Amino acid sequence: MEFALTSEQLAVLDVADRVAARLAPGYVARDQAGEFAWDVAGILGEAGLLGLDVPEEAGGQGAGSLVAGMVIERLGSADSVAATLMIQAASAAKLLYTQAQDRSLVEEWVPRLLAGTAAVSLAFTERQSGSDLKNITTRAVRNSVGDWVVNGEKQSISVRGGQAVMLLAESAEGPVLLFVPVDSPGFVRTPTPSLGRTTSGRATLFLDDVVVPAGHIIGEVGGGLRKALASLSNSRLMVSMGLIGLGRGALEEAVEWVKERETFGKVLAERQGVAFPLVEHWTELEMCRLLCLQGLWKADAGQDYKVDSAMAKARVPESMSRLVHDCLITFGHTGYSLEHPVQLRLRDILGAELGEGPANIQKILLSRYLLGSNPG
C-alpha cells in the first residue's frame, strides 16, 4: 500500500484545511440554531469538495476514495455535519450516475448535488427492521400504466432538508430502490428531534399511495437491496474517517487545555492521570485511521474492502466516542457547557454508533468472514 499523495491531491487537502478553518468557529452556533445546514453545503460545493469521489464524466473530480476520506477527516474535525453532507452528496450522485434507469434524473440532480444546492436522503430504516433490510414492510406495487405505487413508513432518515429520497421498498418482483421527490402527492415528512446532528437532522417519512414513475428505479428491479448494501460499504469507511476527524478535533482541544490549565500548582499535562489517557486515545486514533486508509486504498485499487469497512464501523465509532467522552471529562464543567464544542462532538458521535449498522451487526459480518459462522 502507498499513501503518498501527488501535488494535485495535496492541493485538495489544502483546500479542505481552509474550508475546515472557515467552518469550525460556527460549529456550536449552527447547532443551536437548529436549521438545515444549507450554508455549509454551499461552502463545500463552491470549494469543489462534494464530488471528489464522483467520476469526472459525471461532473465530479474523480480524485478517488483515499483523498475523499482524508478530506472528510479534515471536515469532521471542524463540523461533523459537513462530513455527513459530503458523504451523502457523493453517495447519491454515484448511485444516480451509475444506476439510474431514467437518465434525466442524472442530468437534473447530480449537478445540484455537487453544487450543494440539493440533497438526497437514503430511506432504508423502518421501526421493526433497523439493520435487517430484508424485513422491510414498505411496499411498491405496479399500477395499470407501469408506475410504482408506494405505501409505508421510514424512520431515522438523515439529511432531513433533502428534496428527494432514495427509498428501499419490497415489490412482488423483489426489492426495489426508488428515487422519490419529497413533493410527490401522498409523501409526508416530519422532523424527528434528536440528541445531535441537528443541522443535518432526522425525519420520519409517511407514504400513502405515492406514485413513482416507472423509470425512477436505481438499479434493476429485484436488485434494490444489493445496490443499497453495496452503497454502504464505502460510506462506512467515509463515516469512520469523519469520526476520526471529530475525535482528533476533540483531542487537539483537550491537549491545548491541559497545557494551560493549572490545578494545585501544576498544569494538568504534568499529571499522569490526565496525560496517559490522552496518549492512549491518540494511539487508538492513529490505529483506527490506518485501518480506514487501508480500506480506502483497496477501494481505489479495485480490491475487496468489505472486511476493512466492517472492522472500521465496528471499532471507530466506539473508540472515538470514548475519546470524546474522556476529553469532555478533562475539560470538567467547561466542557459540559452547551457553549463548548466538545459536548456537541459527543452528541454528534452517538448517532454514528447507530447508523449504517451498529458494532454488533458488523461483528456478525466479520464472524462470517473469519469463522464461517453466524453467532446469535
Protein backbone atom coordinates (compact mmCIF):
# COMPACT_ATOMS: atom_id res chain seq x y z
CA MET A 1 0.00 0.00 0.00
CA GLU A 2 1.14 3.51 -0.79
CA PHE A 3 -0.42 6.55 0.84
CA ALA A 4 1.91 9.12 -0.75
CA LEU A 5 -0.09 11.85 -2.48
CA THR A 6 0.54 13.82 -5.65
CA SER A 7 0.88 17.59 -5.65
CA GLU A 8 -2.65 17.84 -7.03
CA GLN A 9 -4.02 15.69 -4.21
CA LEU A 10 -2.12 17.69 -1.61
CA ALA A 11 -3.65 20.85 -3.08
CA VAL A 12 -7.10 19.35 -2.48
CA LEU A 13 -6.20 18.74 1.16
CA ASP A 14 -5.05 22.36 1.46
CA VAL A 15 -8.49 23.44 0.21
CA ALA A 16 -10.11 21.15 2.78
CA ASP A 17 -8.00 22.66 5.56
CA ARG A 18 -9.09 26.17 4.59
CA VAL A 19 -12.74 25.14 4.47
CA ALA A 20 -12.43 23.41 7.86
CA ALA A 21 -10.90 26.55 9.36
CA ARG A 22 -13.82 28.55 7.97
CA LEU A 23 -16.46 26.17 9.36
CA ALA A 24 -15.03 25.47 12.82
CA PRO A 25 -15.93 28.77 14.55
CA GLY A 26 -19.63 28.39 13.71
CA TYR A 27 -19.99 24.72 14.70
CA VAL A 28 -21.79 25.29 18.00
CA ALA A 29 -23.83 28.29 16.80
CA ARG A 30 -25.21 26.32 13.86
CA ASP A 31 -26.25 23.51 16.18
CA GLN A 32 -28.04 25.93 18.47
CA ALA A 33 -29.88 27.49 15.52
CA GLY A 34 -31.09 24.02 14.51
CA GLU A 35 -31.63 24.87 10.84
CA PHE A 36 -30.59 22.60 7.99
CA ALA A 37 -27.01 23.45 7.06
CA TRP A 38 -27.53 24.73 3.51
CA ASP A 39 -24.81 27.32 4.12
CA VAL A 40 -22.33 24.53 4.86
CA ALA A 41 -23.42 22.57 1.78
CA GLY A 42 -22.93 25.69 -0.33
CA ILE A 43 -19.43 26.27 1.01
CA LEU A 44 -18.49 22.65 0.27
CA GLY A 45 -19.97 22.89 -3.22
CA GLU A 46 -18.14 26.14 -4.02
CA ALA A 47 -14.88 24.55 -2.89
CA GLY A 48 -15.44 21.54 -5.17
CA LEU A 49 -15.40 19.06 -2.28
CA LEU A 50 -18.79 17.39 -2.74
CA GLY A 51 -17.78 15.49 -5.87
CA LEU A 52 -14.27 14.34 -5.00
CA ASP A 53 -15.11 10.64 -5.20
CA VAL A 54 -17.51 11.07 -8.14
CA PRO A 55 -16.29 10.21 -11.68
CA GLU A 56 -15.17 13.14 -13.82
CA GLU A 57 -17.60 12.18 -16.58
CA ALA A 58 -20.41 12.66 -14.04
CA GLY A 59 -19.18 16.14 -13.15
CA GLY A 60 -17.04 15.19 -10.17
CA GLN A 61 -13.29 15.36 -9.60
CA GLY A 62 -12.56 11.64 -9.81
CA ALA A 63 -9.99 12.03 -7.02
CA GLY A 64 -10.70 8.61 -5.55
CA SER A 65 -11.75 7.28 -2.17
CA LEU A 66 -8.44 7.77 -0.35
CA VAL A 67 -8.29 11.53 -0.95
CA ALA A 68 -12.02 11.91 -0.31
CA GLY A 69 -11.63 10.12 3.02
CA MET A 70 -8.76 12.38 4.03
CA VAL A 71 -10.85 15.43 3.18
CA ILE A 72 -13.78 14.07 5.20
CA GLU A 73 -11.43 13.60 8.16
CA ARG A 74 -10.46 17.27 7.97
CA LEU A 75 -14.07 18.40 7.69
CA GLY A 76 -15.07 16.18 10.61
CA SER A 77 -12.55 17.92 12.84
CA ALA A 78 -14.35 21.22 12.21
CA ASP A 79 -18.03 20.27 11.89
CA SER A 80 -19.22 16.66 11.83
CA VAL A 81 -22.27 17.57 9.75
CA ALA A 82 -20.00 18.93 6.99
CA ALA A 83 -18.50 15.45 6.70
CA THR A 84 -22.01 13.95 6.61
CA LEU A 85 -23.13 16.27 3.81
CA MET A 86 -20.08 15.36 1.73
CA ILE A 87 -20.69 11.63 2.20
CA GLN A 88 -24.39 11.89 1.37
CA ALA A 89 -23.84 14.02 -1.75
CA ALA A 90 -21.22 11.67 -3.19
CA SER A 91 -23.19 8.51 -2.37
CA ALA A 92 -26.36 9.84 -4.01
CA ALA A 93 -24.53 11.23 -7.04
CA LYS A 94 -22.67 7.96 -7.70
CA LEU A 95 -25.80 5.86 -7.30
CA LEU A 96 -27.69 8.10 -9.71
CA TYR A 97 -24.90 8.24 -12.28
CA THR A 98 -24.16 4.53 -12.30
CA GLN A 99 -27.60 3.02 -11.65
CA ALA A 100 -30.48 5.39 -12.54
CA GLN A 101 -32.64 3.98 -15.34
CA ASP A 102 -34.08 7.40 -16.18
CA ARG A 103 -31.01 9.40 -17.26
CA SER A 104 -32.89 12.67 -16.91
CA LEU A 105 -32.53 12.18 -13.15
CA VAL A 106 -28.77 12.29 -13.58
CA GLU A 107 -28.90 15.47 -15.65
CA GLU A 108 -31.24 17.20 -13.20
CA TRP A 109 -29.92 16.10 -9.83
CA VAL A 110 -26.20 15.31 -9.99
CA PRO A 111 -25.07 18.90 -10.79
CA ARG A 112 -27.24 20.22 -7.95
CA LEU A 113 -25.91 17.64 -5.51
CA LEU A 114 -22.31 18.53 -6.34
CA ALA A 115 -23.02 22.25 -6.10
CA GLY A 116 -24.55 21.87 -2.64
CA THR A 117 -27.92 23.28 -3.72
CA ALA A 118 -29.77 19.97 -3.36
CA ALA A 119 -29.62 16.96 -1.08
CA VAL A 120 -30.94 13.42 -1.45
CA SER A 121 -31.59 11.26 1.60
CA LEU A 122 -31.29 7.47 1.86
CA ALA A 123 -34.51 5.96 3.22
CA PHE A 124 -33.84 2.38 4.34
CA THR A 125 -34.65 2.18 8.07
CA GLU A 126 -38.04 1.17 9.48
CA ARG A 127 -39.39 0.78 13.00
CA GLN A 128 -39.31 -3.02 13.08
CA SER A 129 -36.33 -3.70 10.84
CA GLY A 130 -33.41 -1.39 11.67
CA SER A 131 -30.36 -3.05 10.13
CA ASP A 132 -32.45 -6.01 8.94
CA LEU A 133 -33.21 -4.63 5.49
CA LYS A 134 -34.78 -7.91 4.38
CA ASN A 135 -37.55 -7.28 6.91
CA ILE A 136 -38.88 -4.01 5.49
CA THR A 137 -42.63 -3.56 5.16
CA THR A 138 -42.80 -0.60 2.75
CA ARG A 139 -44.44 -1.90 -0.43
CA ALA A 140 -44.22 -0.83 -4.06
CA VAL A 141 -46.90 -2.13 -6.44
CA ARG A 142 -47.12 -1.50 -10.19
CA ASN A 143 -50.28 0.25 -11.37
CA SER A 144 -52.03 -0.18 -14.73
CA VAL A 145 -49.54 2.05 -16.59
CA GLY A 146 -46.43 0.51 -15.05
CA ASP A 147 -45.66 3.20 -12.47
CA TRP A 148 -44.99 2.30 -8.84
CA VAL A 149 -47.46 2.99 -6.04
CA VAL A 150 -45.65 3.08 -2.69
CA ASN A 151 -47.09 2.72 0.81
CA GLY A 152 -45.20 2.54 4.08
CA GLU A 153 -43.19 4.38 6.70
CA LYS A 154 -39.47 5.08 7.01
CA GLN A 155 -37.72 6.26 10.16
CA SER A 156 -34.46 7.92 11.17
CA ILE A 157 -33.89 9.40 7.72
CA SER A 158 -30.80 11.58 7.75
CA VAL A 159 -30.40 14.90 5.91
CA ARG A 160 -33.99 15.89 6.53
CA GLY A 161 -33.72 19.00 4.34
CA GLY A 162 -33.25 16.98 1.15
CA GLN A 163 -35.54 17.44 -1.84
CA ALA A 164 -35.70 13.72 -2.68
CA VAL A 165 -35.06 10.31 -1.18
CA MET A 166 -33.72 7.00 -2.42
CA LEU A 167 -36.24 4.66 -0.88
CA LEU A 168 -35.97 0.93 -0.43
CA ALA A 169 -39.27 -0.94 -0.86
CA GLU A 170 -40.40 -4.52 -1.37
CA SER A 171 -42.28 -5.49 -4.54
CA ALA A 172 -43.73 -8.67 -6.00
CA GLU A 173 -40.55 -8.89 -8.07
CA GLY A 174 -38.17 -8.35 -5.18
CA PRO A 175 -36.67 -5.28 -3.51
CA VAL A 176 -36.55 -2.03 -5.47
CA LEU A 177 -34.64 1.18 -4.79
CA LEU A 178 -36.76 4.12 -5.95
CA PHE A 179 -35.98 7.80 -6.42
CA VAL A 180 -38.83 9.80 -4.87
CA PRO A 181 -39.07 13.64 -4.76
CA VAL A 182 -40.40 14.83 -1.42
CA ASP A 183 -43.06 17.00 -3.09
CA SER A 184 -44.80 13.91 -4.50
CA PRO A 185 -48.51 13.72 -3.55
CA GLY A 186 -49.03 11.46 -0.55
CA PHE A 187 -45.45 11.97 0.70
CA VAL A 188 -45.24 13.42 4.23
CA ARG A 189 -42.00 14.14 6.08
CA THR A 190 -41.93 15.09 9.77
CA PRO A 191 -38.80 16.05 11.72
CA THR A 192 -37.52 13.73 14.43
CA PRO A 193 -35.96 15.67 17.33
CA SER A 194 -32.54 14.20 18.03
CA LEU A 195 -29.72 14.45 20.52
CA GLY A 196 -27.15 15.59 17.97
CA ARG A 197 -26.52 16.46 14.32
CA THR A 198 -29.32 18.99 14.44
CA THR A 199 -28.11 20.86 11.34
CA SER A 200 -28.49 17.69 9.31
CA GLY A 201 -31.38 16.30 11.28
CA ARG A 202 -33.50 13.19 11.08
CA ALA A 203 -37.04 12.65 9.87
CA THR A 204 -39.85 10.12 9.60
CA LEU A 205 -41.45 9.54 6.20
CA PHE A 206 -45.06 8.53 5.60
CA LEU A 207 -46.03 7.31 2.12
CA ASP A 208 -49.69 6.99 1.23
CA ASP A 209 -50.24 5.82 -2.35
CA VAL A 210 -47.21 7.79 -3.56
CA VAL A 211 -46.91 7.34 -7.34
CA VAL A 212 -43.33 6.98 -8.58
CA PRO A 213 -42.62 6.96 -12.34
CA ALA A 214 -41.61 3.58 -13.74
CA GLY A 215 -38.14 4.79 -14.69
CA HIS A 216 -37.28 6.15 -11.24
CA ILE A 217 -35.52 2.92 -10.30
CA ILE A 218 -31.94 2.82 -9.05
CA GLY A 219 -30.51 -0.39 -10.45
CA GLU A 220 -32.64 -3.26 -11.67
CA VAL A 221 -35.96 -4.49 -10.30
CA GLY A 222 -35.23 -7.12 -7.66
CA GLY A 223 -31.72 -5.80 -7.10
CA GLY A 224 -32.59 -2.86 -4.88
CA LEU A 225 -31.33 -4.47 -1.68
CA ARG A 226 -28.00 -5.42 -3.23
CA LYS A 227 -27.49 -1.87 -4.51
CA ALA A 228 -28.40 -0.46 -1.12
CA LEU A 229 -25.97 -2.70 0.74
CA ALA A 230 -23.17 -2.09 -1.77
CA SER A 231 -23.53 1.66 -1.30
CA LEU A 232 -22.96 1.29 2.44
CA SER A 233 -19.54 -0.40 2.31
CA ASN A 234 -17.79 2.70 1.01
CA SER A 235 -19.78 5.10 3.14
CA ARG A 236 -18.94 3.16 6.33
CA LEU A 237 -15.29 3.94 5.73
CA MET A 238 -16.08 7.57 4.95
CA VAL A 239 -18.22 7.89 8.07
CA SER A 240 -15.38 6.40 10.10
CA MET A 241 -12.92 8.91 8.66
CA GLY A 242 -15.28 11.74 9.61
CA LEU A 243 -15.44 10.40 13.17
CA ILE A 244 -11.66 10.15 13.33
CA GLY A 245 -11.56 13.81 12.37
CA LEU A 246 -14.15 14.58 15.05
CA GLY A 247 -12.07 12.71 17.61
CA ARG A 248 -8.89 14.44 16.51
CA GLY A 249 -10.57 17.83 16.92
CA ALA A 250 -11.61 16.96 20.47
CA LEU A 251 -8.14 15.62 21.29
CA GLU A 252 -6.38 18.71 19.97
CA GLU A 253 -8.69 20.95 22.01
CA ALA A 254 -8.06 18.88 25.14
CA VAL A 255 -4.30 18.95 24.61
CA GLU A 256 -4.28 22.75 24.43
CA TRP A 257 -6.44 22.88 27.56
CA VAL A 258 -4.24 20.61 29.70
CA LYS A 259 -1.12 22.55 28.68
CA GLU A 260 -2.62 25.71 30.17
CA ARG A 261 -4.97 24.61 32.96
CA GLU A 262 -3.36 24.64 36.43
CA THR A 263 -4.57 22.77 39.49
CA PHE A 264 -2.77 22.56 42.82
CA GLY A 265 0.28 24.33 41.43
CA LYS A 266 0.84 22.20 38.32
CA VAL A 267 -0.51 22.20 34.79
CA LEU A 268 -2.74 19.21 34.01
CA ALA A 269 -0.36 17.98 31.31
CA GLU A 270 2.15 17.05 34.03
CA ARG A 271 -0.26 14.66 35.72
CA GLN A 272 -0.16 11.02 34.65
CA GLY A 273 -3.86 10.56 35.30
CA VAL A 274 -4.59 13.19 32.65
CA ALA A 275 -1.70 12.70 30.23
CA PHE A 276 -1.73 8.91 29.91
CA PRO A 277 -5.40 8.56 28.84
CA LEU A 278 -4.88 11.23 26.18
CA VAL A 279 -1.80 9.38 24.91
CA GLU A 280 -3.76 6.12 24.77
CA HIS A 281 -6.58 7.75 22.82
CA TRP A 282 -4.08 9.33 20.43
CA THR A 283 -2.56 5.89 19.76
CA GLU A 284 -6.00 4.32 19.21
CA LEU A 285 -6.96 7.16 16.87
CA GLU A 286 -3.91 6.59 14.69
CA MET A 287 -4.53 2.83 14.53
CA CYS A 288 -8.16 3.42 13.52
CA ARG A 289 -7.04 5.88 10.87
CA LEU A 290 -4.60 3.38 9.34
CA LEU A 291 -7.34 0.74 9.16
CA CYS A 292 -9.58 3.16 7.28
CA LEU A 293 -6.81 4.30 4.95
CA GLN A 294 -6.09 0.66 4.11
CA GLY A 295 -9.73 0.11 3.15
CA LEU A 296 -9.88 3.30 1.08
CA TRP A 297 -6.66 2.36 -0.71
CA LYS A 298 -8.17 -1.04 -1.55
CA ALA A 299 -11.29 0.68 -2.89
CA ASP A 300 -9.18 2.80 -5.25
CA ALA A 301 -7.19 -0.28 -6.28
CA GLY A 302 -10.35 -2.22 -7.14
CA GLN A 303 -9.79 -4.71 -4.31
CA ASP A 304 -12.39 -6.12 -1.93
CA TYR A 305 -12.61 -3.86 1.12
CA LYS A 306 -15.77 -5.18 2.80
CA VAL A 307 -13.84 -6.58 5.75
CA ASP A 308 -11.95 -3.32 6.29
CA SER A 309 -15.24 -1.43 6.13
CA ALA A 310 -16.93 -3.70 8.69
CA MET A 311 -13.89 -3.58 11.01
CA ALA A 312 -13.85 0.20 10.84
CA LYS A 313 -17.55 0.57 11.60
CA ALA A 314 -17.27 -1.94 14.44
CA ARG A 315 -14.33 -0.14 16.07
CA VAL A 316 -14.09 3.53 15.13
CA PRO A 317 -17.39 4.97 16.46
CA GLU A 318 -16.99 3.28 19.83
CA SER A 319 -13.33 4.28 20.12
CA MET A 320 -13.95 7.89 19.15
CA SER A 321 -16.94 8.07 21.49
CA ARG A 322 -14.71 7.05 24.42
CA LEU A 323 -12.09 9.55 23.30
CA VAL A 324 -14.53 12.46 23.13
CA HIS A 325 -16.17 11.46 26.43
CA ASP A 326 -12.80 11.49 28.20
CA CYS A 327 -11.93 14.83 26.60
CA LEU A 328 -15.18 16.28 27.98
CA ILE A 329 -14.27 14.99 31.46
CA THR A 330 -10.83 16.54 31.05
CA PHE A 331 -12.45 19.91 30.42
CA GLY A 332 -14.63 19.48 33.50
CA HIS A 333 -17.58 21.83 33.91
CA THR A 334 -16.31 23.91 30.99
CA GLY A 335 -16.80 21.02 28.56
CA TYR A 336 -20.27 20.31 29.95
CA SER A 337 -21.47 23.74 28.86
CA LEU A 338 -23.59 23.89 25.72
CA GLU A 339 -21.26 26.65 24.54
CA HIS A 340 -18.30 24.28 24.28
CA PRO A 341 -17.67 22.22 21.11
CA VAL A 342 -16.65 19.05 22.98
CA GLN A 343 -20.20 18.43 24.26
CA LEU A 344 -21.52 18.81 20.72
CA ARG A 345 -18.89 16.43 19.40
CA LEU A 346 -20.06 13.85 21.94
CA ARG A 347 -23.73 14.30 20.99
CA ASP A 348 -22.93 14.13 17.27
CA ILE A 349 -20.84 10.99 17.55
CA LEU A 350 -23.53 8.97 19.34
CA GLY A 351 -25.73 8.88 16.26
CA ALA A 352 -22.87 7.45 14.23
CA GLU A 353 -22.69 4.47 16.58
CA LEU A 354 -26.20 3.59 15.39
CA GLY A 355 -26.24 4.49 11.71
CA GLU A 356 -25.18 2.23 8.83
CA GLY A 357 -25.18 -0.84 11.06
CA PRO A 358 -24.01 -0.67 14.73
CA ALA A 359 -20.96 -2.51 16.00
CA ASN A 360 -22.69 -5.83 16.75
CA ILE A 361 -24.07 -6.04 13.20
CA GLN A 362 -20.55 -5.54 11.84
CA LYS A 363 -19.22 -8.21 14.19
CA ILE A 364 -21.76 -10.69 12.82
CA LEU A 365 -20.49 -9.95 9.31
CA LEU A 366 -16.88 -10.30 10.44
CA SER A 367 -17.65 -13.62 12.17
CA ARG A 368 -18.95 -14.93 8.84
CA TYR A 369 -15.74 -13.90 7.10
CA LEU A 370 -13.39 -15.20 9.80
CA LEU A 371 -15.20 -18.25 11.20
CA GLY A 372 -17.87 -19.11 8.69
CA SER A 373 -20.40 -18.85 11.50
CA ASN A 374 -23.32 -16.59 12.31
CA PRO A 375 -23.34 -16.06 16.10
CA GLY A 376 -26.74 -15.30 17.61
